[in-house]
C-alpha atoms as a PDB file:
ATOM      1  CA  MET A   1       0.000   0.000   0.000  1.00  0.00           C
ATOM      2  CA  ASN A   2       1.435   3.358  -0.952  1.00  0.00           C
ATOM      3  CA  PHE A   3       0.787   6.742   0.633  1.00  0.00           C
ATOM      4  CA  GLN A   4      -1.940   7.665  -1.859  1.00  0.00           C
ATOM      5  CA  ASN A   5      -3.826   4.439  -1.150  1.00  0.00           C
ATOM      6  CA  ALA A   6      -3.506   5.053   2.579  1.00  0.00           C
ATOM      7  CA  ARG A   7      -4.773   8.616   2.110  1.00  0.00           C
ATOM      8  CA  ARG A   8      -7.844   7.307   0.231  1.00  0.00           C
ATOM      9  CA  ILE A   9      -8.576   4.832   3.012  1.00  0.00           C
ATOM     10  CA  PHE A  10      -8.256   7.524   5.667  1.00  0.00           C
ATOM     11  CA  THR A  11     -10.598   9.856   3.794  1.00  0.00           C
ATOM     12  CA  ASP A  12     -13.292   7.229   4.261  1.00  0.00           C
ATOM     13  CA  VAL A  13     -12.904   7.325   8.053  1.00  0.00           C
ATOM     14  CA  SER A  14     -13.317  10.129  10.537  1.00  0.00           C
ATOM     15  CA  LEU A  15      -9.590  10.937  10.940  1.00  0.00           C
ATOM     16  CA  SER A  16      -7.229  12.021   8.210  1.00  0.00           C
ATOM     17  CA  VAL A  17      -3.598  10.913   8.117  1.00  0.00           C
ATOM     18  CA  GLU A  18      -2.614  14.444   9.102  1.00  0.00           C
ATOM     19  CA  GLN A  19      -4.915  14.333  12.122  1.00  0.00           C
ATOM     20  CA  VAL A  20      -3.533  10.953  13.198  1.00  0.00           C
ATOM     21  CA  VAL A  21       0.015  12.268  12.861  1.00  0.00           C
ATOM     22  CA  ALA A  22      -0.823  15.431  14.808  1.00  0.00           C
ATOM     23  CA  GLU A  23      -2.391  13.372  17.594  1.00  0.00           C
ATOM     24  CA  ALA A  24       0.561  10.963  17.661  1.00  0.00           C
ATOM     25  CA  LEU A  25       3.112  13.784  17.802  1.00  0.00           C
ATOM     26  CA  ALA A  26       1.271  15.269  20.775  1.00  0.00           C
ATOM     27  CA  LEU A  27       1.906  12.102  22.789  1.00  0.00           C
ATOM     28  CA  PRO A  28       4.746  11.908  25.325  1.00  0.00           C
ATOM     29  CA  SER A  29       8.019  10.446  24.012  1.00  0.00           C
ATOM     30  CA  GLU A  30       7.516   7.041  25.599  1.00  0.00           C
ATOM     31  CA  ALA A  31       4.024   6.694  24.108  1.00  0.00           C
ATOM     32  CA  ARG A  32       5.298   7.733  20.660  1.00  0.00           C
ATOM     33  CA  ALA A  33       8.026   5.084  20.874  1.00  0.00           C
ATOM     34  CA  LEU A  34       5.456   2.435  21.806  1.00  0.00           C
ATOM     35  CA  LEU A  35       3.215   3.555  18.941  1.00  0.00           C
ATOM     36  CA  ALA A  36       6.136   3.417  16.504  1.00  0.00           C
ATOM     37  CA  ASP A  37       6.961  -0.124  17.639  1.00  0.00           C
ATOM     38  CA  ARG A  38       3.367  -1.239  17.205  1.00  0.00           C
ATOM     39  CA  LEU A  39       3.123   0.333  13.762  1.00  0.00           C
ATOM     40  CA  VAL A  40       6.298  -1.404  12.635  1.00  0.00           C
ATOM     41  CA  GLU A  41       5.030  -4.704  14.035  1.00  0.00           C
ATOM     42  CA  SER A  42       1.806  -4.258  12.069  1.00  0.00           C
ATOM     43  CA  LEU A  43       3.572  -4.117   8.710  1.00  0.00           C
ATOM     44  CA  ASP A  44       3.074  -6.859   6.181  1.00  0.00           C
ATOM     45  CA  PRO A  45       5.101  -9.910   7.254  1.00  0.00           C
ATOM     46  CA  ALA A  46       6.480 -10.119   3.711  1.00  0.00           C
ATOM     47  CA  GLU A  47       8.139  -6.753   4.359  1.00  0.00           C
ATOM     48  CA  GLU A  48       9.560  -7.901   7.697  1.00  0.00           C
ATOM     49  CA  GLY A  49      12.549  -9.605   6.084  1.00  0.00           C
ATOM     50  CA  TYR A  50      13.316  -6.482   4.071  1.00  0.00           C
ATOM     51  CA  ILE A  51      13.056  -4.239   7.144  1.00  0.00           C
ATOM     52  CA  ARG A  52      15.232  -6.645   9.125  1.00  0.00           C
ATOM     53  CA  LYS A  53      17.892  -6.505   6.390  1.00  0.00           C
ATOM     54  CA  LEU A  54      17.789  -2.703   6.476  1.00  0.00           C
ATOM     55  CA  TRP A  55      18.305  -2.661  10.257  1.00  0.00           C
ATOM     56  CA  ILE A  56      21.165  -5.160   9.994  1.00  0.00           C
ATOM     57  CA  ALA A  57      22.826  -3.012   7.327  1.00  0.00           C
ATOM     58  CA  GLU A  58      22.356   0.064   9.542  1.00  0.00           C
ATOM     59  CA  ALA A  59      23.852  -1.742  12.541  1.00  0.00           C
ATOM     60  CA  HIS A  60      26.876  -2.780  10.465  1.00  0.00           C
ATOM     61  CA  ARG A  61      27.296   0.765   9.153  1.00  0.00           C
ATOM     62  CA  ARG A  62      27.223   2.174  12.687  1.00  0.00           C
ATOM     63  CA  ARG A  63      29.658  -0.471  13.919  1.00  0.00           C
ATOM     64  CA  ASP A  64      32.021   0.317  11.060  1.00  0.00           C
ATOM     65  CA  ASP A  65      31.736   4.065  11.734  1.00  0.00           C
ATOM     66  CA  VAL A  66      32.861   3.477  15.324  1.00  0.00           C
ATOM     67  CA  ARG A  67      35.651   1.080  14.346  1.00  0.00           C
ATOM     68  CA  ASN A  68      36.978   3.455  11.675  1.00  0.00           C
ATOM     69  CA  GLY A  69      36.875   6.479  13.977  1.00  0.00           C
ATOM     70  CA  ARG A  70      34.203   8.344  11.994  1.00  0.00           C
ATOM     71  CA  VAL A  71      31.999   8.374  15.097  1.00  0.00           C
ATOM     72  CA  LYS A  72      33.153   9.007  18.642  1.00  0.00           C
ATOM     73  CA  THR A  73      31.460   6.923  21.319  1.00  0.00           C
ATOM     74  CA  VAL A  74      29.960   8.419  24.465  1.00  0.00           C
ATOM     75  CA  PRO A  75      30.428   6.853  27.905  1.00  0.00           C
ATOM     76  CA  ARG A  76      27.308   5.084  29.178  1.00  0.00           C
ATOM     77  CA  ASP A  77      26.676   7.440  32.101  1.00  0.00           C
ATOM     78  CA  GLU A  78      26.914  10.487  29.843  1.00  0.00           C
ATOM     79  CA  ALA A  79      24.630   8.904  27.247  1.00  0.00           C
ATOM     80  CA  LEU A  80      22.015   8.052  29.880  1.00  0.00           C
ATOM     81  CA  ALA A  81      22.210  11.579  31.289  1.00  0.00           C
ATOM     82  CA  ARG A  82      21.625  13.001  27.804  1.00  0.00           C
ATOM     83  CA  VAL A  83      18.609  10.748  27.285  1.00  0.00           C
ATOM     84  CA  GLN A  84      17.163  11.682  30.671  1.00  0.00           C
ATOM     85  CA  ARG A  85      17.570  15.400  29.887  1.00  0.00           C
ATOM     86  CA  ALA A  86      15.902  14.928  26.495  1.00  0.00           C
ATOM     87  CA  ILE A  87      12.976  13.046  28.017  1.00  0.00           C
ATOM     88  CA  ALA A  88      12.538  15.661  30.737  1.00  0.00           C
ATOM     89  CA  LYS A  89      11.941  18.387  28.134  1.00  0.00           C
END
């Protein structure tokens, strides 16, 4: 299903895609993350293998970036502090 097909489906119901997005973006960070997980889980199982391959490729790219010095790592305590500050906003 492409975006245009999804838009047609949503025009037949009470909420538009834009309204759903606006409502979702108004949720707290943790709720948005849960929603994102559930949406990904709801994708066509045939696409699951493709999505898994994309994530594996991304993980390898990130690993290689760290190994080759293109990305500097952050100590765990500092990373957690950054996340906590971001969530608190």
